[in-house]
Amino acid sequence: MRTNISAIHFKAHDSLKEFAESEVLRLKKFSDEIINCEIEYSFNKNDKTAHIHVNVNGTVLNATETTDDFTKSTTQCVDKLEQQLKKLKGKIQARR
């Protein structure tokens, strides 16, 4: 799985990048078909936003979360994506 991390209007620290990559690796246990993952960070005064886009075998899953900390935003986005992956996996198994 390729992971691209971008920060809008600021430079992300290496510790934030490492944290984001480790959080996204949690998604690997739900699907082996994840092709790539794009993480975008942006902030607006006190609000810090994380957008995560995951490409799973042609299906794009998105999650956005805004909190007062990038790590919280990232963790909550990954939690949302876990739920979406579980739902997608259930739909695929139901078709078979």
Protein backbone atom coordinates (compact mmCIF):
# COMPACT_ATOMS: atom_id res chain seq x y z
CA MET A 1 0.00 0.00 0.00
CA ARG A 2 1.35 3.38 -1.01
CA THR A 3 0.79 6.23 1.39
CA ASN A 4 0.97 9.88 0.35
CA ILE A 5 0.91 12.53 3.06
CA SER A 6 0.44 16.20 2.25
CA ALA A 7 0.07 19.24 4.45
CA ILE A 8 -1.71 22.35 3.22
CA HIS A 9 -0.21 25.70 4.29
CA PHE A 10 2.33 24.15 6.69
CA LYS A 11 5.09 21.54 6.85
CA ALA A 12 4.16 18.34 8.68
CA HIS A 13 6.66 16.98 11.21
CA ASP A 14 8.19 13.57 10.70
CA SER A 15 6.55 12.36 13.91
CA LEU A 16 3.11 13.22 12.50
CA LYS A 17 3.92 11.42 9.26
CA GLU A 18 5.10 8.32 11.12
CA PHE A 19 1.98 8.36 13.31
CA ALA A 20 -0.27 8.66 10.24
CA GLU A 21 1.43 5.76 8.49
CA SER A 22 1.15 3.53 11.55
CA GLU A 23 -2.55 4.40 11.95
CA VAL A 24 -3.30 3.66 8.30
CA LEU A 25 -1.60 0.27 8.61
CA ARG A 26 -4.46 -0.69 10.96
CA LEU A 27 -6.67 -0.80 7.86
CA LYS A 28 -4.57 -3.61 6.36
CA LYS A 29 -6.19 -6.18 8.65
CA PHE A 30 -9.62 -5.45 7.15
CA SER A 31 -8.63 -5.62 3.47
CA ASP A 32 -5.59 -6.80 1.56
CA GLU A 33 -6.84 -5.05 -1.58
CA ILE A 34 -5.97 -1.50 -0.48
CA ILE A 35 -4.00 0.04 -3.35
CA ASN A 36 -3.10 3.47 -2.03
CA CYS A 37 -3.94 5.94 0.70
CA GLU A 38 -3.79 9.73 0.57
CA ILE A 39 -3.74 11.77 3.77
CA GLU A 40 -4.24 15.54 3.68
CA TYR A 41 -3.78 17.78 6.69
CA SER A 42 -4.99 21.35 6.93
CA PHE A 43 -5.62 23.79 9.74
CA ASN A 44 -7.70 26.88 10.28
CA LYS A 45 -6.87 28.80 13.48
CA ASN A 46 -7.79 26.23 16.20
CA ASP A 47 -9.31 23.56 13.96
CA LYS A 48 -7.05 20.84 12.59
CA THR A 49 -8.53 18.72 9.84
CA ALA A 50 -7.50 15.34 8.45
CA HIS A 51 -8.84 14.00 5.13
CA ILE A 52 -8.06 10.39 4.27
CA HIS A 53 -8.82 8.86 0.87
CA VAL A 54 -8.36 5.09 0.47
CA ASN A 55 -8.52 3.29 -2.88
CA VAL A 56 -9.72 -0.29 -2.41
CA ASN A 57 -9.69 -2.20 -5.68
CA GLY A 58 -11.50 0.56 -7.61
CA THR A 59 -13.66 1.83 -4.75
CA VAL A 60 -12.68 5.09 -3.08
CA LEU A 61 -13.44 5.49 0.62
CA ASN A 62 -13.23 8.94 2.21
CA ALA A 63 -13.20 10.20 5.78
CA THR A 64 -12.85 13.71 7.17
CA GLU A 65 -12.50 14.75 10.78
CA THR A 66 -11.86 18.11 12.47
CA THR A 67 -10.61 18.39 16.06
CA ASP A 68 -8.08 20.43 18.02
CA ASP A 69 -5.23 17.95 17.36
CA PHE A 70 -3.96 16.18 14.23
CA THR A 71 -3.46 12.86 16.01
CA LYS A 72 -7.07 12.83 17.23
CA SER A 73 -8.31 13.73 13.75
CA THR A 74 -6.24 10.97 12.18
CA THR A 75 -7.36 8.35 14.67
CA GLN A 76 -11.03 9.24 14.23
CA CYS A 77 -10.70 9.16 10.44
CA VAL A 78 -9.13 5.71 10.56
CA ASP A 79 -11.96 4.54 12.85
CA LYS A 80 -14.49 5.77 10.28
CA LEU A 81 -12.61 4.02 7.48
CA GLU A 82 -12.57 0.77 9.47
CA GLN A 83 -16.36 0.89 9.63
CA GLN A 84 -16.57 1.61 5.90
CA LEU A 85 -14.23 -1.28 5.10
CA LYS A 86 -16.27 -3.67 7.24
CA LYS A 87 -19.43 -2.58 5.43
CA LEU A 88 -17.77 -2.94 2.01
CA LYS A 89 -16.45 -6.38 2.90
CA GLY A 90 -19.95 -7.43 4.00
CA LYS A 91 -21.45 -6.25 0.72
CA ILE A 92 -18.85 -8.11 -1.31
CA GLN A 93 -19.42 -11.33 0.64
CA ALA A 94 -23.20 -10.97 0.29
CA ARG A 95 -22.87 -10.80 -3.50
CA ARG A 96 -21.01 -14.11 -3.60
